[in-house]
Amino acid sequence: MAIERREFLKTILASTFLASSSNFYPVSGIKNNTTKITILHTNDTHSQIEPFPPGTRNAGLGGVARRATFVRQIRNENPNTLLLDGGDSFQGTPYFNFYHGELEIKSMSAIGYDVITLGNHDFDDGVESLVKALEHAKFDIVSVNYNVENSPLKNFVKPYVIRNLSGIKIGLLGLGINFDGLVTKDKHIGVSWENPIEPAKKAVKELRDVHKVDLVIALSHLGYRYENEPDRPSDVNIAKTIPDIDFIVGGHTHTFMKEPEVIKHGNGKETLIFQVGFGGINVGRVDFVFSEQKLVSWQGAIFNVEGEQISQTWSAKVNNG
């Protein structure tokens, strides 16, 4: 007998808190007069509600239940934690075809996402369907370069948001990919794309100069880099152009990076770029350490959703310029 849609949603969402894990991120050397901000991030989860099925390349990996437990454990360790996503929550399994994004958004809300941006596949069922799904969102959606003023998305999408964690102000903006060749016009009615460089510069300047944020994070669905199209908007181009972005949470290219790329700027500052593949297989983690509102160091690693660290730990002291 088929399970009623409402009951199925309740069942799958309840299961997001049943998985267990005992591993925690190794953190050492944090002094009493410092504040640690933990950033957890995913990208391109593509409707992968359950672990990948047997017989597939990623069999047994991923799953929102285990991700939820891992996130909860990290938040128990450090309440100053934000969970972010670089776009493309939709499309890839029958769950999207049947629930049209509602299950994905409800799952992300249950897991406790704080801020996400939109990817091209999030428009696959059209703007009206996207809006209907986002009505269930308990998180913010950001994009500086998707003009949504002429669509119902204007009530859901902001250029940027600011979060204050223990006195550390964090500005988060979103960067969306060009619709051309990816999203047909009938699927983004009322939403237009603008090259993200200038809108991002404006947003970052406002965040730094007006709002006096201590950390700037861009949630990007532009793609990591394009070797054959060096001028195409990408995470690397954004990082090189806008030195006041501290961290770019990447998406779109499904890149399984082994470590962040660090773009060094002439003023001594650095921009980290990182993304963790696709399908919710892994979660990225970066801890930013502040002393008196100044960023002094960072460290990070990649984890699978069972909480196992699957990369080396990266760390660096920060030159504030």
Protein backbone atom coordinates (compact mmCIF):
# COMPACT_ATOMS: atom_id res chain seq x y z
CA MET A 1 0.00 0.00 0.00
CA ALA A 2 1.37 3.38 -0.94
CA ILE A 3 2.25 5.66 1.97
CA GLU A 4 0.29 8.89 2.04
CA ARG A 5 2.43 11.87 1.08
CA ARG A 6 2.00 13.71 4.38
CA GLU A 7 2.81 10.60 6.46
CA PHE A 8 5.85 9.81 4.34
CA LEU A 9 7.23 13.30 4.87
CA LYS A 10 6.78 12.95 8.62
CA THR A 11 8.53 9.57 8.58
CA ILE A 12 11.56 10.62 6.54
CA LEU A 13 12.01 13.86 8.48
CA ALA A 14 11.76 12.13 11.84
CA SER A 15 14.53 9.75 10.76
CA THR A 16 16.97 12.65 10.40
CA PHE A 17 17.67 12.40 14.11
CA LEU A 18 18.06 8.62 14.49
CA ALA A 19 21.58 8.07 13.19
CA SER A 20 24.53 8.13 15.56
CA SER A 21 28.24 8.92 15.45
CA SER A 22 30.93 9.32 18.07
CA ASN A 23 33.73 11.17 16.28
CA PHE A 24 34.40 14.83 16.87
CA TYR A 25 36.58 17.33 15.13
CA PRO A 26 40.02 17.67 16.77
CA VAL A 27 40.50 21.23 18.03
CA SER A 28 43.45 22.29 20.13
CA GLY A 29 45.23 25.43 21.16
CA ILE A 30 42.12 27.64 21.37
CA LYS A 31 42.82 30.24 24.06
CA ASN A 32 40.27 31.49 26.55
CA ASN A 33 40.23 35.03 25.12
CA THR A 34 39.38 33.91 21.60
CA THR A 35 36.14 33.06 19.81
CA LYS A 36 35.85 30.13 17.41
CA ILE A 37 33.30 30.29 14.60
CA THR A 38 32.62 26.93 12.96
CA ILE A 39 31.39 26.80 9.38
CA LEU A 40 29.92 23.55 8.07
CA HIS A 41 29.07 23.46 4.39
CA THR A 42 27.64 21.31 1.63
CA ASN A 43 26.82 21.84 -2.03
CA ASP A 44 24.94 20.11 -4.85
CA THR A 45 23.09 17.67 -2.60
CA HIS A 46 20.71 17.00 -5.53
CA SER A 47 17.71 15.46 -3.72
CA GLN A 48 19.85 12.67 -2.24
CA ILE A 49 17.64 12.09 0.80
CA GLU A 50 18.79 8.52 1.43
CA PRO A 51 22.31 7.09 1.11
CA PHE A 52 23.28 6.13 -2.43
CA PRO A 53 21.75 2.74 -3.30
CA PRO A 54 23.66 -0.53 -3.71
CA GLY A 55 25.27 -1.07 -7.07
CA THR A 56 26.02 2.60 -7.64
CA ARG A 57 29.41 4.31 -7.61
CA ASN A 58 28.79 5.90 -4.20
CA ALA A 59 26.82 3.03 -2.68
CA GLY A 60 26.02 3.54 0.99
CA LEU A 61 27.42 7.08 1.15
CA GLY A 62 25.53 10.20 2.21
CA GLY A 63 22.00 10.46 3.58
CA VAL A 64 20.28 13.29 5.40
CA ALA A 65 19.80 11.31 8.64
CA ARG A 66 23.52 10.89 9.22
CA ARG A 67 24.23 14.45 8.13
CA ALA A 68 21.71 15.70 10.68
CA THR A 69 23.38 13.79 13.50
CA PHE A 70 26.85 14.99 12.52
CA VAL A 71 25.67 18.60 12.42
CA ARG A 72 23.98 18.26 15.78
CA GLN A 73 27.17 16.88 17.34
CA ILE A 74 29.26 19.75 16.04
CA ARG A 75 26.72 22.26 17.35
CA ASN A 76 26.87 20.58 20.74
CA GLU A 77 30.63 21.01 20.63
CA ASN A 78 30.49 24.62 19.46
CA PRO A 79 27.21 26.58 19.56
CA ASN A 80 28.88 29.21 17.35
CA THR A 81 28.26 27.11 14.24
CA LEU A 82 26.68 27.96 10.90
CA LEU A 83 25.53 25.37 8.36
CA LEU A 84 25.65 26.62 4.76
CA ASP A 85 24.94 25.30 1.27
CA GLY A 86 26.23 26.29 -2.17
CA GLY A 87 23.09 25.50 -4.18
CA ASP A 88 21.43 22.74 -6.23
CA SER A 89 19.43 21.15 -3.44
CA PHE A 90 16.98 19.88 -6.09
CA GLN A 91 17.01 17.30 -8.90
CA GLY A 92 18.74 13.95 -9.10
CA THR A 93 16.43 11.38 -7.50
CA PRO A 94 12.72 10.49 -7.75
CA TYR A 95 12.14 12.38 -4.51
CA PHE A 96 12.33 15.62 -6.47
CA ASN A 97 10.01 14.36 -9.20
CA PHE A 98 7.41 13.35 -6.64
CA TYR A 99 7.69 16.08 -3.98
CA HIS A 100 8.91 18.97 -6.18
CA GLY A 101 11.45 20.19 -3.65
CA GLU A 102 9.23 20.19 -0.57
CA LEU A 103 11.02 17.22 0.98
CA GLU A 104 14.45 18.70 0.29
CA ILE A 105 13.57 22.03 1.91
CA LYS A 106 11.86 20.40 4.89
CA SER A 107 14.87 18.11 5.36
CA MET A 108 17.31 21.02 5.25
CA SER A 109 15.17 22.90 7.75
CA ALA A 110 15.11 19.89 10.06
CA ILE A 111 18.88 19.46 9.80
CA GLY A 112 19.28 23.11 10.75
CA TYR A 113 20.70 24.90 7.73
CA ASP A 114 21.24 28.60 8.38
CA VAL A 115 21.84 30.11 4.93
CA ILE A 116 21.84 28.74 1.37
CA THR A 117 22.11 30.08 -2.15
CA LEU A 118 20.29 28.94 -5.28
CA GLY A 119 21.70 26.77 -8.03
CA ASN A 120 20.48 26.33 -11.59
CA HIS A 121 18.73 23.02 -10.83
CA ASP A 122 16.70 24.68 -8.10
CA PHE A 123 14.74 26.28 -10.98
CA ASP A 124 14.08 22.99 -12.80
CA ASP A 125 10.41 22.91 -11.86
CA GLY A 126 9.89 26.65 -12.39
CA VAL A 127 9.72 29.68 -10.13
CA GLU A 128 6.23 29.01 -8.79
CA SER A 129 7.18 25.48 -7.71
CA LEU A 130 10.42 26.75 -6.15
CA VAL A 131 8.50 29.35 -4.16
CA LYS A 132 6.03 26.73 -2.96
CA ALA A 133 8.91 24.61 -1.68
CA LEU A 134 10.68 27.59 -0.06
CA GLU A 135 7.57 28.33 1.99
CA HIS A 136 8.83 25.49 4.20
CA ALA A 137 12.31 26.99 4.63
CA LYS A 138 13.51 27.84 8.12
CA PHE A 139 16.72 29.34 6.78
CA ASP A 140 17.77 32.34 4.71
CA ILE A 141 18.31 32.32 0.93
CA VAL A 142 20.85 34.77 -0.52
CA SER A 143 21.85 35.94 -4.00
CA VAL A 144 23.32 39.29 -5.03
CA ASN A 145 23.05 38.76 -8.78
CA TYR A 146 19.67 37.12 -9.34
CA ASN A 147 17.22 39.97 -9.74
CA VAL A 148 14.01 38.65 -8.21
CA GLU A 149 12.05 41.90 -7.89
CA ASN A 150 9.63 40.90 -10.65
CA SER A 151 8.94 37.43 -9.29
CA PRO A 152 7.41 35.91 -6.12
CA LEU A 153 10.96 34.99 -5.08
CA LYS A 154 11.38 38.59 -3.91
CA ASN A 155 9.77 37.57 -0.62
CA PHE A 156 12.36 34.83 -0.07
CA VAL A 157 15.71 35.89 -1.56
CA LYS A 158 17.97 38.57 -0.05
CA PRO A 159 21.31 39.82 -1.40
CA TYR A 160 22.99 39.07 1.92
CA VAL A 161 22.30 38.42 5.58
CA ILE A 162 24.27 39.08 8.76
CA ARG A 163 24.60 36.66 11.65
CA ASN A 164 26.05 37.59 15.05
CA LEU A 165 27.66 34.73 16.96
CA SER A 166 29.11 35.65 20.36
CA GLY A 167 29.88 39.16 19.18
CA ILE A 168 31.41 38.11 15.85
CA LYS A 169 29.45 39.58 12.93
CA ILE A 170 29.36 37.39 9.83
CA GLY A 171 28.15 38.65 6.46
CA LEU A 172 26.88 36.02 4.01
CA LEU A 173 26.10 36.74 0.36
CA GLY A 174 25.06 34.52 -2.54
CA LEU A 175 26.39 34.22 -6.11
CA GLY A 176 24.27 32.59 -8.83
CA ILE A 177 25.33 31.09 -12.15
CA ASN A 178 24.20 32.37 -15.55
CA PHE A 179 20.91 30.80 -16.67
CA ASP A 180 22.00 30.66 -20.34
CA GLY A 181 22.32 27.07 -21.49
CA LEU A 182 21.28 25.75 -18.07
CA VAL A 183 17.78 27.00 -17.31
CA THR A 184 15.17 27.63 -19.99
CA LYS A 185 13.42 30.99 -19.93
CA ASP A 186 10.07 29.52 -18.93
CA LYS A 187 11.64 28.17 -15.74
CA HIS A 188 13.01 31.49 -14.43
CA ILE A 189 10.19 33.87 -15.39
CA GLY A 190 10.67 37.19 -13.63
CA VAL A 191 14.21 36.33 -12.51
CA SER A 192 17.18 37.77 -14.40
CA TRP A 193 20.91 37.16 -14.07
CA GLU A 194 23.66 39.75 -13.74
CA ASN A 195 27.41 39.18 -13.82
CA PRO A 196 28.19 38.78 -10.10
CA ILE A 197 31.40 40.81 -9.94
CA GLU A 198 29.92 44.28 -9.42
CA PRO A 199 26.95 43.23 -7.23
CA ALA A 200 29.35 41.22 -5.08
CA LYS A 201 31.76 44.15 -4.76
CA LYS A 202 28.89 46.38 -3.68
CA ALA A 203 27.57 43.88 -1.15
CA VAL A 204 31.00 43.21 0.34
CA LYS A 205 31.70 46.93 0.65
CA GLU A 206 28.38 47.44 2.46
CA LEU A 207 29.09 44.53 4.76
CA ARG A 208 32.58 45.78 5.62
CA ASP A 209 32.07 49.55 5.69
CA VAL A 210 28.46 49.98 6.79
CA HIS A 211 27.72 46.87 8.85
CA LYS A 212 31.28 46.41 10.11
CA VAL A 213 31.24 42.64 9.81
CA ASP A 214 34.22 40.62 10.99
CA LEU A 215 33.96 37.79 8.46
CA VAL A 216 32.59 37.71 4.90
CA ILE A 217 31.45 34.43 3.36
CA ALA A 218 30.18 34.00 -0.20
CA LEU A 219 27.91 31.07 -1.02
CA SER A 220 28.63 30.46 -4.66
CA HIS A 221 27.05 28.37 -7.38
CA LEU A 222 29.37 29.76 -10.04
CA GLY A 223 31.72 26.79 -10.24
CA TYR A 224 35.28 26.42 -9.00
CA ARG A 225 37.27 27.42 -12.12
CA TYR A 226 37.06 27.05 -15.91
CA GLU A 227 40.43 26.40 -17.51
CA ASN A 228 39.11 26.87 -21.05
CA GLU A 229 37.05 29.96 -20.15
CA PRO A 230 39.32 32.03 -17.89
CA ASP A 231 37.02 35.07 -17.98
CA ARG A 232 33.88 33.16 -17.02
CA PRO A 233 32.63 34.07 -13.52
CA SER A 234 33.97 31.46 -11.11
CA ASP A 235 34.99 31.12 -7.50
CA VAL A 236 38.62 31.71 -8.41
CA ASN A 237 37.82 34.88 -10.39
CA ILE A 238 35.64 36.22 -7.58
CA ALA A 239 38.36 35.52 -5.02
CA LYS A 240 41.03 37.24 -7.10
CA THR A 241 38.82 40.27 -7.75
CA ILE A 242 37.34 40.85 -4.28
CA PRO A 243 39.99 40.48 -1.55
CA ASP A 244 37.59 41.28 1.30
CA ILE A 245 35.83 37.92 0.96
CA ASP A 246 37.29 35.55 3.53
CA PHE A 247 35.69 32.27 2.45
CA ILE A 248 33.87 31.04 -0.66
CA VAL A 249 31.62 28.01 -0.19
CA GLY A 250 31.60 26.66 -3.73
CA GLY A 251 29.19 24.63 -5.82
CA HIS A 252 28.04 23.66 -9.33
CA THR A 253 31.17 21.91 -10.63
CA HIS A 254 30.83 18.98 -8.17
CA THR A 255 34.51 19.33 -7.36
CA PHE A 256 35.81 16.96 -4.70
CA MET A 257 38.57 19.21 -3.46
CA LYS A 258 41.16 17.61 -1.19
CA GLU A 259 42.01 20.92 0.45
CA PRO A 260 40.97 24.56 0.06
CA GLU A 261 42.54 26.78 -2.54
CA VAL A 262 43.93 29.85 -0.83
CA ILE A 263 44.09 33.02 -2.93
CA LYS A 264 46.69 35.42 -1.52
CA HIS A 265 46.13 39.15 -2.06
CA GLY A 266 48.58 42.03 -2.28
CA ASN A 267 47.31 43.53 0.97
CA GLY A 268 48.25 40.38 2.88
CA LYS A 269 44.72 39.01 3.14
CA GLU A 270 43.64 35.60 1.91
CA THR A 271 40.47 34.09 0.46
CA LEU A 272 39.70 30.40 0.99
CA ILE A 273 37.77 28.49 -1.68
CA PHE A 274 36.30 25.10 -1.03
CA GLN A 275 33.58 22.69 -2.15
CA VAL A 276 32.82 19.09 -1.26
CA GLY A 277 31.64 17.30 -4.38
CA PHE A 278 27.95 16.44 -4.60
CA GLY A 279 25.13 14.29 -3.26
CA GLY A 280 25.65 15.11 0.42
CA ILE A 281 28.47 12.56 0.59
CA ASN A 282 30.79 14.85 2.56
CA VAL A 283 30.60 17.94 4.75
CA GLY A 284 33.29 20.59 4.82
CA ARG A 285 34.33 22.23 8.07
CA VAL A 286 36.36 25.38 8.67
CA ASP A 287 36.94 26.93 12.10
CA PHE A 288 37.75 30.63 12.11
CA VAL A 289 39.40 31.87 15.31
CA PHE A 290 39.01 35.49 16.38
CA SER A 291 40.76 37.54 19.02
CA GLU A 292 39.05 40.84 19.85
CA GLN A 293 37.06 40.74 16.59
CA LYS A 294 40.19 40.14 14.50
CA LEU A 295 40.56 36.93 12.52
CA VAL A 296 43.82 35.34 13.67
CA SER A 297 43.74 31.78 12.32
CA TRP A 298 41.70 29.07 10.66
CA GLN A 299 41.72 25.30 10.42
CA GLY A 300 39.57 22.86 8.52
CA ALA A 301 38.98 19.37 7.21
CA ILE A 302 36.57 17.20 5.22
CA PHE A 303 34.22 14.77 6.96
CA ASN A 304 31.86 12.11 5.75
CA VAL A 305 28.34 12.29 7.14
CA GLU A 306 29.19 9.65 9.74
CA GLY A 307 31.52 12.18 11.33
CA GLU A 308 34.76 10.54 10.19
CA GLN A 309 37.50 12.93 9.15
CA ILE A 310 38.59 11.89 5.66
CA SER A 311 41.25 14.51 4.96
CA GLN A 312 44.22 16.01 6.66
CA THR A 313 43.60 19.01 8.91
CA TRP A 314 44.55 22.29 7.27
CA SER A 315 45.48 25.30 9.35
CA ALA A 316 47.01 28.74 8.95
CA LYS A 317 47.63 31.93 10.83
CA VAL A 318 46.02 35.00 9.30
CA ASN A 319 47.78 38.16 8.17
CA ASN A 320 45.28 40.99 8.63
CA GLY A 321 47.15 43.25 6.21
